[in-house]
Amino acid sequence: MKRVAPDHARTYHLHRLATALDSRGLPATVKTTYPAALHVFMPGATMLAESIDCIPANDPEGRLRWYYRWSWGEVLHDTEDPSAAAEKIMEVLAAR
C-alpha cells in the first residue's frame, strides 16, 4: 500500500516559500485544495506566472526530505532553504 504524506506538511512548506516570495515583491498564493500548490506571478505581467508544488522524496542517503517542484515536474530546490528557491523562481519569471 502506498503511504500518502500528510498535506499539512506540504502546505507548511509552500507557505514558507510564499513568505520568501512576498518579501521580494512577488505575490504568491497557496491553494489548499488537494494537492496544495503555490501560485506566483510577476506584478504587472500576470501572464508570467508559475505554479509550484511540494513533494516528499528520499535524498541520496535514503532520508525522507521535501522538495519544491516546478509545474513541469523538475525539482526546483529542497524546502530547507525557501529563500534560495524564491531566488530561482524570480530568475525564471524575470527571464520570460
PDB file of N, CA and C in Angstrom:
ATOM      1  N   MET A   1       0.843  -1.177   0.000  1.00  0.00           N
ATOM      2  CA  MET A   1       0.000   0.000   0.000  1.00  0.00           C
ATOM      3  C   MET A   1       0.896   1.250   0.000  1.00  0.00           C
ATOM      4  N   LYS A   2       0.582   2.194  -0.834  1.00  0.00           N
ATOM      5  CA  LYS A   2       1.359   3.430  -0.931  1.00  0.00           C
ATOM      6  C   LYS A   2       1.063   4.335   0.255  1.00  0.00           C
ATOM      7  N   ARG A   3       2.124   4.851   0.871  1.00  0.00           N
ATOM      8  CA  ARG A   3       1.967   5.768   2.001  1.00  0.00           C
ATOM      9  C   ARG A   3       1.772   7.185   1.472  1.00  0.00           C
ATOM     10  N   VAL A   4       0.726   7.859   1.920  1.00  0.00           N
ATOM     11  CA  VAL A   4       0.432   9.222   1.492  1.00  0.00           C
ATOM     12  C   VAL A   4       0.912  10.184   2.570  1.00  0.00           C
ATOM     13  N   ALA A   5       1.749  11.141   2.189  1.00  0.00           N
ATOM     14  CA  ALA A   5       2.252  12.130   3.137  1.00  0.00           C
ATOM     15  C   ALA A   5       1.129  13.093   3.524  1.00  0.00           C
ATOM     16  N   PRO A   6       1.099  13.526   4.762  1.00  0.00           N
ATOM     17  CA  PRO A   6       0.075  14.482   5.181  1.00  0.00           C
ATOM     18  C   PRO A   6       0.174  15.787   4.396  1.00  0.00           C
ATOM     19  N   ASP A   7      -0.963  16.304   3.952  1.00  0.00           N
ATOM     20  CA  ASP A   7      -0.950  17.521   3.152  1.00  0.00           C
ATOM     21  C   ASP A   7      -0.597  18.742   3.987  1.00  0.00           C
ATOM     22  N   HIS A   8      -0.728  18.671   5.303  1.00  0.00           N
ATOM     23  CA  HIS A   8      -0.372  19.829   6.119  1.00  0.00           C
ATOM     24  C   HIS A   8       1.129  20.104   6.033  1.00  0.00           C
ATOM     25  N   ALA A   9       1.960  19.094   5.857  1.00  0.00           N
ATOM     26  CA  ALA A   9       3.405  19.309   5.683  1.00  0.00           C
ATOM     27  C   ALA A   9       3.660  20.044   4.370  1.00  0.00           C
ATOM     28  N   ARG A  10       2.982  19.637   3.319  1.00  0.00           N
ATOM     29  CA  ARG A  10       3.115  20.285   2.010  1.00  0.00           C
ATOM     30  C   ARG A  10       2.704  21.760   2.108  1.00  0.00           C
ATOM     31  N   THR A  11       1.579  22.018   2.736  1.00  0.00           N
ATOM     32  CA  THR A  11       1.082  23.386   2.892  1.00  0.00           C
ATOM     33  C   THR A  11       2.045  24.230   3.715  1.00  0.00           C
ATOM     34  N   TYR A  12       2.602  23.657   4.763  1.00  0.00           N
ATOM     35  CA  TYR A  12       3.571  24.370   5.603  1.00  0.00           C
ATOM     36  C   TYR A  12       4.758  24.856   4.768  1.00  0.00           C
ATOM     37  N   HIS A  13       5.340  23.967   3.986  1.00  0.00           N
ATOM     38  CA  HIS A  13       6.500  24.324   3.162  1.00  0.00           C
ATOM     39  C   HIS A  13       6.133  25.360   2.096  1.00  0.00           C
ATOM     40  N   LEU A  14       4.966  25.231   1.506  1.00  0.00           N
ATOM     41  CA  LEU A  14       4.543  26.193   0.482  1.00  0.00           C
ATOM     42  C   LEU A  14       4.304  27.577   1.089  1.00  0.00           C
ATOM     43  N   HIS A  15       3.785  27.636   2.300  1.00  0.00           N
ATOM     44  CA  HIS A  15       3.598  28.933   2.958  1.00  0.00           C
ATOM     45  C   HIS A  15       4.949  29.591   3.259  1.00  0.00           C
ATOM     46  N   ARG A  16       5.948  28.805   3.613  1.00  0.00           N
ATOM     47  CA  ARG A  16       7.294  29.362   3.835  1.00  0.00           C
ATOM     48  C   ARG A  16       7.837  29.964   2.547  1.00  0.00           C
ATOM     49  N   LEU A  17       7.622  29.288   1.418  1.00  0.00           N
ATOM     50  CA  LEU A  17       8.069  29.809   0.133  1.00  0.00           C
ATOM     51  C   LEU A  17       7.275  31.059  -0.244  1.00  0.00           C
ATOM     52  N   ALA A  18       5.981  31.068   0.018  1.00  0.00           N
ATOM     53  CA  ALA A  18       5.152  32.247  -0.276  1.00  0.00           C
ATOM     54  C   ALA A  18       5.657  33.463   0.491  1.00  0.00           C
ATOM     55  N   THR A  19       6.035  33.281   1.730  1.00  0.00           N
ATOM     56  CA  THR A  19       6.577  34.380   2.533  1.00  0.00           C
ATOM     57  C   THR A  19       7.871  34.907   1.922  1.00  0.00           C
ATOM     58  N   ALA A  20       8.748  34.005   1.489  1.00  0.00           N
ATOM     59  CA  ALA A  20      10.014  34.410   0.864  1.00  0.00           C
ATOM     60  C   ALA A  20       9.761  35.168  -0.436  1.00  0.00           C
ATOM     61  N   LEU A  21       8.778  34.739  -1.212  1.00  0.00           N
ATOM     62  CA  LEU A  21       8.450  35.424  -2.467  1.00  0.00           C
ATOM     63  C   LEU A  21       7.814  36.785  -2.201  1.00  0.00           C
ATOM     64  N   ASP A  22       6.883  36.834  -1.261  1.00  0.00           N
ATOM     65  CA  ASP A  22       6.224  38.098  -0.915  1.00  0.00           C
ATOM     66  C   ASP A  22       7.239  39.146  -0.465  1.00  0.00           C
ATOM     67  N   SER A  23       8.247  38.722   0.287  1.00  0.00           N
ATOM     68  CA  SER A  23       9.256  39.673   0.764  1.00  0.00           C
ATOM     69  C   SER A  23      10.105  40.224  -0.385  1.00  0.00           C
ATOM     70  N   ARG A  24      10.071  39.556  -1.550  1.00  0.00           N
ATOM     71  CA  ARG A  24      10.802  40.018  -2.732  1.00  0.00           C
ATOM     72  C   ARG A  24       9.890  40.741  -3.723  1.00  0.00           C
ATOM     73  N   GLY A  25       8.645  40.966  -3.332  1.00  0.00           N
ATOM     74  CA  GLY A  25       7.715  41.696  -4.187  1.00  0.00           C
ATOM     75  C   GLY A  25       6.972  40.848  -5.199  1.00  0.00           C
ATOM     76  N   LEU A  26       7.054  39.521  -5.070  1.00  0.00           N
ATOM     77  CA  LEU A  26       6.297  38.635  -5.955  1.00  0.00           C
ATOM     78  C   LEU A  26       5.090  38.096  -5.204  1.00  0.00           C
ATOM     79  N   PRO A  27       3.886  38.487  -5.609  1.00  0.00           N
ATOM     80  CA  PRO A  27       2.689  37.973  -4.943  1.00  0.00           C
ATOM     81  C   PRO A  27       2.581  36.455  -5.116  1.00  0.00           C
ATOM     82  N   ALA A  28       2.288  35.776  -4.026  1.00  0.00           N
ATOM     83  CA  ALA A  28       2.160  34.322  -4.062  1.00  0.00           C
ATOM     84  C   ALA A  28       0.960  33.910  -3.224  1.00  0.00           C
ATOM     85  N   THR A  29       0.226  32.939  -3.723  1.00  0.00           N
ATOM     86  CA  THR A  29      -0.957  32.430  -3.046  1.00  0.00           C
ATOM     87  C   THR A  29      -0.858  30.921  -2.942  1.00  0.00           C
ATOM     88  N   VAL A  30      -1.108  30.390  -1.764  1.00  0.00           N
ATOM     89  CA  VAL A  30      -1.119  28.943  -1.578  1.00  0.00           C
ATOM     90  C   VAL A  30      -2.551  28.453  -1.721  1.00  0.00           C
ATOM     91  N   LYS A  31      -2.761  27.578  -2.674  1.00  0.00           N
ATOM     92  CA  LYS A  31      -4.062  26.933  -2.863  1.00  0.00           C
ATOM     93  C   LYS A  31      -4.068  25.666  -2.019  1.00  0.00           C
ATOM     94  N   THR A  32      -5.025  25.552  -1.115  1.00  0.00           N
ATOM     95  CA  THR A  32      -5.023  24.431  -0.179  1.00  0.00           C
ATOM     96  C   THR A  32      -5.868  23.251  -0.630  1.00  0.00           C
ATOM     97  N   THR A  33      -6.402  23.302  -1.848  1.00  0.00           N
ATOM     98  CA  THR A  33      -7.098  22.128  -2.358  1.00  0.00           C
ATOM     99  C   THR A  33      -6.066  21.023  -2.555  1.00  0.00           C
ATOM    100  N   TYR A  34      -6.494  19.779  -2.471  1.00  0.00           N
ATOM    101  CA  TYR A  34      -5.540  18.680  -2.588  1.00  0.00           C
ATOM    102  C   TYR A  34      -5.166  18.424  -4.040  1.00  0.00           C
ATOM    103  N   PRO A  35      -3.922  18.297  -4.374  1.00  0.00           N
ATOM    104  CA  PRO A  35      -2.773  18.607  -3.529  1.00  0.00           C
ATOM    105  C   PRO A  35      -2.517  20.116  -3.506  1.00  0.00           C
ATOM    106  N   ALA A  36      -2.028  20.590  -2.397  1.00  0.00           N
ATOM    107  CA  ALA A  36      -1.749  22.024  -2.245  1.00  0.00           C
ATOM    108  C   ALA A  36      -0.688  22.459  -3.248  1.00  0.00           C
ATOM    109  N   ALA A  37      -0.796  23.702  -3.706  1.00  0.00           N
ATOM    110  CA  ALA A  37       0.180  24.262  -4.649  1.00  0.00           C
ATOM    111  C   ALA A  37       0.281  25.759  -4.412  1.00  0.00           C
ATOM    112  N   LEU A  38       1.376  26.333  -4.860  1.00  0.00           N
ATOM    113  CA  LEU A  38       1.606  27.760  -4.730  1.00  0.00           C
ATOM    114  C   LEU A  38       1.528  28.377  -6.119  1.00  0.00           C
ATOM    115  N   HIS A  39       0.825  29.494  -6.219  1.00  0.00           N
ATOM    116  CA  HIS A  39       0.718  30.215  -7.492  1.00  0.00           C
ATOM    117  C   HIS A  39       1.410  31.552  -7.305  1.00  0.00           C
ATOM    118  N   VAL A  40       2.358  31.851  -8.197  1.00  0.00           N
ATOM    119  CA  VAL A  40       3.117  33.100  -8.122  1.00  0.00           C
ATOM    120  C   VAL A  40       3.108  33.766  -9.491  1.00  0.00           C
ATOM    121  N   PHE A  41       3.047  35.108  -9.509  1.00  0.00           N
ATOM    122  CA  PHE A  41       3.062  35.821 -10.788  1.00  0.00           C
ATOM    123  C   PHE A  41       3.835  37.119 -10.648  1.00  0.00           C
ATOM    124  N   MET A  42       4.315  37.628 -11.791  1.00  0.00           N
ATOM    125  CA  MET A  42       5.039  38.887 -11.831  1.00  0.00           C
ATOM    126  C   MET A  42       4.016  40.023 -11.793  1.00  0.00           C
ATOM    127  N   PRO A  43       4.189  40.977 -10.889  1.00  0.00           N
ATOM    128  CA  PRO A  43       3.283  42.133 -10.858  1.00  0.00           C
ATOM    129  C   PRO A  43       3.332  42.889 -12.189  1.00  0.00           C
ATOM    130  N   GLY A  44       2.178  43.255 -12.689  1.00  0.00           N
ATOM    131  CA  GLY A  44       2.113  43.978 -13.956  1.00  0.00           C
ATOM    132  C   GLY A  44       2.202  43.082 -15.181  1.00  0.00           C
ATOM    133  N   ALA A  45       2.426  41.809 -14.977  1.00  0.00           N
ATOM    134  CA  ALA A  45       2.530  40.862 -16.099  1.00  0.00           C
ATOM    135  C   ALA A  45       1.955  39.525 -15.649  1.00  0.00           C
ATOM    136  N   THR A  46       0.653  39.489 -15.405  1.00  0.00           N
ATOM    137  CA  THR A  46       0.025  38.289 -14.849  1.00  0.00           C
ATOM    138  C   THR A  46       0.136  37.073 -15.755  1.00  0.00           C
ATOM    139  N   MET A  47       0.491  37.286 -17.022  1.00  0.00           N
ATOM    140  CA  MET A  47       0.714  36.139 -17.909  1.00  0.00           C
ATOM    141  C   MET A  47       2.008  35.413 -17.544  1.00  0.00           C
ATOM    142  N   LEU A  48       2.893  36.089 -16.824  1.00  0.00           N
ATOM    143  CA  LEU A  48       4.128  35.458 -16.348  1.00  0.00           C
ATOM    144  C   LEU A  48       3.850  34.889 -14.967  1.00  0.00           C
ATOM    145  N   ALA A  49       3.435  33.658 -14.957  1.00  0.00           N
ATOM    146  CA  ALA A  49       3.037  33.017 -13.711  1.00  0.00           C
ATOM    147  C   ALA A  49       3.586  31.600 -13.662  1.00  0.00           C
ATOM    148  N   GLU A  50       3.611  31.057 -12.475  1.00  0.00           N
ATOM    149  CA  GLU A  50       4.099  29.695 -12.296  1.00  0.00           C
ATOM    150  C   GLU A  50       3.376  29.068 -11.114  1.00  0.00           C
ATOM    151  N   SER A  51       3.152  27.778 -11.210  1.00  0.00           N
ATOM    152  CA  SER A  51       2.603  27.009 -10.098  1.00  0.00           C
ATOM    153  C   SER A  51       3.700  26.087  -9.571  1.00  0.00           C
ATOM    154  N   ILE A  52       3.886  26.107  -8.275  1.00  0.00           N
ATOM    155  CA  ILE A  52       4.915  25.313  -7.613  1.00  0.00           C
ATOM    156  C   ILE A  52       4.216  24.341  -6.674  1.00  0.00           C
ATOM    157  N   ASP A  53       4.654  23.087  -6.687  1.00  0.00           N
ATOM    158  CA  ASP A  53       4.129  22.170  -5.688  1.00  0.00           C
ATOM    159  C   ASP A  53       5.275  21.687  -4.812  1.00  0.00           C
ATOM    160  N   CYS A  54       4.978  20.802  -3.920  1.00  0.00           N
ATOM    161  CA  CYS A  54       5.944  20.341  -2.933  1.00  0.00           C
ATOM    162  C   CYS A  54       5.764  18.833  -2.798  1.00  0.00           C
ATOM    163  N   ILE A  55       6.871  18.104  -2.875  1.00  0.00           N
ATOM    164  CA  ILE A  55       6.780  16.648  -2.850  1.00  0.00           C
ATOM    165  C   ILE A  55       7.773  16.053  -1.846  1.00  0.00           C
ATOM    166  N   PRO A  56       7.415  14.932  -1.238  1.00  0.00           N
ATOM    167  CA  PRO A  56       8.380  14.212  -0.410  1.00  0.00           C
ATOM    168  C   PRO A  56       9.152  13.238  -1.292  1.00  0.00           C
ATOM    169  N   ALA A  57      10.427  13.080  -1.002  1.00  0.00           N
ATOM    170  CA  ALA A  57      11.260  12.115  -1.731  1.00  0.00           C
ATOM    171  C   ALA A  57      12.462  11.777  -0.866  1.00  0.00           C
ATOM    172  N   ASN A  58      13.083  10.670  -1.168  1.00  0.00           N
ATOM    173  CA  ASN A  58      14.285  10.283  -0.444  1.00  0.00           C
ATOM    174  C   ASN A  58      15.501  10.956  -1.047  1.00  0.00           C
ATOM    175  N   ASP A  59      16.385  11.447  -0.185  1.00  0.00           N
ATOM    176  CA  ASP A  59      17.635  12.031  -0.664  1.00  0.00           C
ATOM    177  C   ASP A  59      18.615  10.889  -0.983  1.00  0.00           C
ATOM    178  N   PRO A  60      19.804  11.203  -1.490  1.00  0.00           N
ATOM    179  CA  PRO A  60      20.752  10.138  -1.842  1.00  0.00           C
ATOM    180  C   PRO A  60      21.123   9.211  -0.681  1.00  0.00           C
ATOM    181  N   GLU A  61      20.997   9.689   0.559  1.00  0.00           N
ATOM    182  CA  GLU A  61      21.292   8.844   1.726  1.00  0.00           C
ATOM    183  C   GLU A  61      20.074   8.059   2.204  1.00  0.00           C
ATOM    184  N   GLY A  62      18.946   8.213   1.519  1.00  0.00           N
ATOM    185  CA  GLY A  62      17.742   7.476   1.861  1.00  0.00           C
ATOM    186  C   GLY A  62      16.836   8.143   2.873  1.00  0.00           C
ATOM    187  N   ARG A  63      17.164   9.376   3.289  1.00  0.00           N
ATOM    188  CA  ARG A  63      16.321  10.098   4.242  1.00  0.00           C
ATOM    189  C   ARG A  63      15.164  10.770   3.510  1.00  0.00           C
ATOM    190  N   LEU A  64      14.005  10.800   4.166  1.00  0.00           N
ATOM    191  CA  LEU A  64      12.847  11.480   3.597  1.00  0.00           C
ATOM    192  C   LEU A  64      13.054  12.978   3.703  1.00  0.00           C
ATOM    193  N   ARG A  65      12.925  13.676   2.580  1.00  0.00           N
ATOM    194  CA  ARG A  65      13.064  15.132   2.524  1.00  0.00           C
ATOM    195  C   ARG A  65      11.912  15.685   1.702  1.00  0.00           C
ATOM    196  N   TRP A  66      11.695  16.990   1.797  1.00  0.00           N
ATOM    197  CA  TRP A  66      10.677  17.665   0.999  1.00  0.00           C
ATOM    198  C   TRP A  66      11.370  18.565  -0.005  1.00  0.00           C
ATOM    199  N   TYR A  67      10.784  18.642  -1.205  1.00  0.00           N
ATOM    200  CA  TYR A  67      11.351  19.435  -2.292  1.00  0.00           C
ATOM    201  C   TYR A  67      10.261  20.265  -2.970  1.00  0.00           C
ATOM    202  N   TYR A  68      10.622  21.496  -3.351  1.00  0.00           N
ATOM    203  CA  TYR A  68       9.747  22.298  -4.201  1.00  0.00           C
ATOM    204  C   TYR A  68       9.935  21.799  -5.622  1.00  0.00           C
ATOM    205  N   ARG A  69       8.846  21.821  -6.408  1.00  0.00           N
ATOM    206  CA  ARG A  69       8.900  21.299  -7.773  1.00  0.00           C
ATOM    207  C   ARG A  69       8.167  22.239  -8.726  1.00  0.00           C
ATOM    208  N   TRP A  70       8.800  22.473  -9.892  1.00  0.00           N
ATOM    209  CA  TRP A  70       8.185  23.282 -10.954  1.00  0.00           C
ATOM    210  C   TRP A  70       6.943  22.591 -11.498  1.00  0.00           C
ATOM    211  N   SER A  71       6.105  23.339 -12.191  1.00  0.00           N
ATOM    212  CA  SER A  71       4.871  22.788 -12.760  1.00  0.00           C
ATOM    213  C   SER A  71       5.157  21.696 -13.791  1.00  0.00           C
ATOM    214  N   TRP A  72       6.320  21.711 -14.411  1.00  0.00           N
ATOM    215  CA  TRP A  72       6.652  20.688 -15.420  1.00  0.00           C
ATOM    216  C   TRP A  72       7.306  19.460 -14.799  1.00  0.00           C
ATOM    217  N   GLY A  73       7.417  19.418 -13.458  1.00  0.00           N
ATOM    218  CA  GLY A  73       7.868  18.218 -12.775  1.00  0.00           C
ATOM    219  C   GLY A  73       9.316  18.208 -12.321  1.00  0.00           C
ATOM    220  N   GLU A  74      10.108  19.152 -12.741  1.00  0.00           N
ATOM    221  CA  GLU A  74      11.521  19.206 -12.348  1.00  0.00           C
ATOM    222  C   GLU A  74      11.639  19.752 -10.926  1.00  0.00           C
ATOM    223  N   VAL A  75      12.520  19.150 -10.143  1.00  0.00           N
ATOM    224  CA  VAL A  75      12.748  19.630  -8.780  1.00  0.00           C
ATOM    225  C   VAL A  75      13.388  21.006  -8.840  1.00  0.00           C
ATOM    226  N   LEU A  76      12.835  21.935  -8.078  1.00  0.00           N
ATOM    227  CA  LEU A  76      13.312  23.313  -8.013  1.00  0.00           C
ATOM    228  C   LEU A  76      14.398  23.463  -6.950  1.00  0.00           C
ATOM    229  N   HIS A  77      14.099  23.029  -5.722  1.00  0.00           N
ATOM    230  CA  HIS A  77      15.028  23.204  -4.606  1.00  0.00           C
ATOM    231  C   HIS A  77      14.476  22.433  -3.410  1.00  0.00           C
ATOM    232  N   ASP A  78      15.347  22.108  -2.450  1.00  0.00           N
ATOM    233  CA  ASP A  78      14.819  21.484  -1.236  1.00  0.00           C
ATOM    234  C   ASP A  78      14.139  22.551  -0.380  1.00  0.00           C
ATOM    235  N   THR A  79      13.261  22.116   0.504  1.00  0.00           N
ATOM    236  CA  THR A  79      12.451  23.049   1.286  1.00  0.00           C
ATOM    237  C   THR A  79      13.192  23.637   2.481  1.00  0.00           C
ATOM    238  N   GLU A  80      14.416  23.197   2.718  1.00  0.00           N
ATOM    239  CA  GLU A  80      15.175  23.729   3.854  1.00  0.00           C
ATOM    240  C   GLU A  80      15.607  25.174   3.626  1.00  0.00           C
ATOM    241  N   ASP A  81      15.609  25.628   2.366  1.00  0.00           N
ATOM    242  CA  ASP A  81      16.033  26.992   2.064  1.00  0.00           C
ATOM    243  C   ASP A  81      15.040  27.655   1.112  1.00  0.00           C
ATOM    244  N   PRO A  82      13.883  28.103   1.646  1.00  0.00           N
ATOM    245  CA  PRO A  82      12.890  28.724   0.773  1.00  0.00           C
ATOM    246  C   PRO A  82      13.394  30.005   0.111  1.00  0.00           C
ATOM    247  N   SER A  83      14.338  30.694   0.730  1.00  0.00           N
ATOM    248  CA  SER A  83      14.886  31.918   0.127  1.00  0.00           C
ATOM    249  C   SER A  83      15.631  31.604  -1.174  1.00  0.00           C
ATOM    250  N   ALA A  84      16.398  30.541  -1.191  1.00  0.00           N
ATOM    251  CA  ALA A  84      17.108  30.152  -2.413  1.00  0.00           C
ATOM    252  C   ALA A  84      16.123  29.718  -3.498  1.00  0.00           C
ATOM    253  N   ALA A  85      15.059  29.027  -3.105  1.00  0.00           N
ATOM    254  CA  ALA A  85      14.032  28.634  -4.072  1.00  0.00           C
ATOM    255  C   ALA A  85      13.345  29.877  -4.636  1.00  0.00           C
ATOM    256  N   ALA A  86      13.075  30.869  -3.784  1.00  0.00           N
ATOM    257  CA  ALA A  86      12.439  32.118  -4.238  1.00  0.00           C
ATOM    258  C   ALA A  86      13.330  32.834  -5.245  1.00  0.00           C
ATOM    259  N   GLU A  87      14.629  32.847  -5.018  1.00  0.00           N
ATOM    260  CA  GLU A  87      15.565  33.485  -5.954  1.00  0.00           C
ATOM    261  C   GLU A  87      15.519  32.796  -7.323  1.00  0.00           C
ATOM    262  N   LYS A  88      15.466  31.467  -7.340  1.00  0.00           N
ATOM    263  CA  LYS A  88      15.389  30.737  -8.611  1.00  0.00           C
ATOM    264  C   LYS A  88      14.092  31.058  -9.351  1.00  0.00           C
ATOM    265  N   ILE A  89      13.000  31.152  -8.610  1.00  0.00           N
ATOM    266  CA  ILE A  89      11.715  31.476  -9.226  1.00  0.00           C
ATOM    267  C   ILE A  89      11.770  32.872  -9.832  1.00  0.00           C
ATOM    268  N   MET A  90      12.356  33.809  -9.098  1.00  0.00           N
ATOM    269  CA  MET A  90      12.475  35.178  -9.611  1.00  0.00           C
ATOM    270  C   MET A  90      13.291  35.213 -10.906  1.00  0.00           C
ATOM    271  N   GLU A  91      14.386  34.459 -10.951  1.00  0.00           N
ATOM    272  CA  GLU A  91      15.230  34.412 -12.148  1.00  0.00           C
ATOM    273  C   GLU A  91      14.447  33.879 -13.345  1.00  0.00           C
ATOM    274  N   VAL A  92      13.679  32.825 -13.137  1.00  0.00           N
ATOM    275  CA  VAL A  92      12.925  32.218 -14.237  1.00  0.00           C
ATOM    276  C   VAL A  92      11.836  33.160 -14.719  1.00  0.00           C
ATOM    277  N   LEU A  93      11.078  33.748 -13.812  1.00  0.00           N
ATOM    278  CA  LEU A  93       9.993  34.643 -14.230  1.00  0.00           C
ATOM    279  C   LEU A  93      10.529  35.916 -14.871  1.00  0.00           C
ATOM    280  N   ALA A  94      11.657  36.412 -14.407  1.00  0.00           N
ATOM    281  CA  ALA A  94      12.243  37.615 -14.986  1.00  0.00           C
ATOM    282  C   ALA A  94      12.802  37.347 -16.385  1.00  0.00           C
ATOM    283  N   ALA A  95      13.221  36.116 -16.657  1.00  0.00           N
ATOM    284  CA  ALA A  95      13.809  35.776 -17.956  1.00  0.00           C
ATOM    285  C   ALA A  95      12.766  35.631 -19.043  1.00  0.00           C
ATOM    286  N   ARG A  96      11.525  35.481 -18.674  1.00  0.00           N
ATOM    287  CA  ARG A  96      10.469  35.266 -19.682  1.00  0.00           C
ATOM    288  C   ARG A  96      10.150  36.552 -20.299  1.00  0.00           C
TER     289      ARG A  96
END
